[in-house]
């Protein structure tokens, strides 16, 4: 993941107060992607 993409996803997580900055700094790229997906990506099941 590019640094720009990571920063974008980290900012979203911080805005929603799901994590504090210290927790996110210690996360790998995969963890950031997972939590961003978990909280922000819409699923087709969300629309049903």
Foldseek 3Di string as FASTA:
>chain_A
DDPVVLVVLVVVCVVVVVDDPVVSVPDDPVVSVVVSCVPPPDDVVVVD
